[in-house]
C-alpha atoms as a PDB file:
ATOM      1  CA  MET A   1      42.847  22.262  90.197  1.00  0.00           C
ATOM      2  CA  ILE A   2      39.550  24.019  91.016  1.00  0.00           C
ATOM      3  CA  LEU A   3      41.347  27.358  91.210  1.00  0.00           C
ATOM      4  CA  SER A   4      42.729  27.003  87.678  1.00  0.00           C
ATOM      5  CA  LEU A   5      39.232  26.159  86.433  1.00  0.00           C
ATOM      6  CA  PHE A   6      37.855  29.278  88.139  1.00  0.00           C
ATOM      7  CA  ILE A   7      40.600  31.444  86.612  1.00  0.00           C
ATOM      8  CA  ARG A   8      39.903  30.013  83.152  1.00  0.00           C
ATOM      9  CA  GLU A   9      36.176  30.758  83.478  1.00  0.00           C
ATOM     10  CA  TYR A  10      36.977  34.297  84.667  1.00  0.00           C
ATOM     11  CA  ILE A  11      39.286  34.901  81.693  1.00  0.00           C
ATOM     12  CA  ILE A  12      36.613  33.597  79.294  1.00  0.00           C
ATOM     13  CA  LEU A  13      34.085  35.968  80.898  1.00  0.00           C
ATOM     14  CA  ILE A  14      36.405  38.969  80.473  1.00  0.00           C
ATOM     15  CA  VAL A  15      37.202  38.053  76.860  1.00  0.00           C
ATOM     16  CA  THR A  16      33.531  37.617  75.942  1.00  0.00           C
ATOM     17  CA  GLU A  17      32.651  40.926  77.600  1.00  0.00           C
ATOM     18  CA  HIS A  18      35.454  42.673  75.698  1.00  0.00           C
ATOM     19  CA  THR A  19      34.347  41.209  72.360  1.00  0.00           C
ATOM     20  CA  GLN A  20      30.728  42.192  73.023  1.00  0.00           C
ATOM     21  CA  LYS A  21      31.790  45.766  73.776  1.00  0.00           C
ATOM     22  CA  GLU A  22      33.842  45.915  70.561  1.00  0.00           C
ATOM     23  CA  ARG A  23      30.884  44.535  68.643  1.00  0.00           C
ATOM     24  CA  LEU A  24      28.640  47.292  70.040  1.00  0.00           C
ATOM     25  CA  GLY A  25      31.175  49.956  69.126  1.00  0.00           C
ATOM     26  CA  PHE A  26      32.525  50.795  72.591  1.00  0.00           C
END
């Protein structure tokens, strides 16, 4: 319920951070 929503938001945050790092060349 709320926990699954929190997990989904956390995963999205990690994925966006990873893509930003790749974009910067890290």
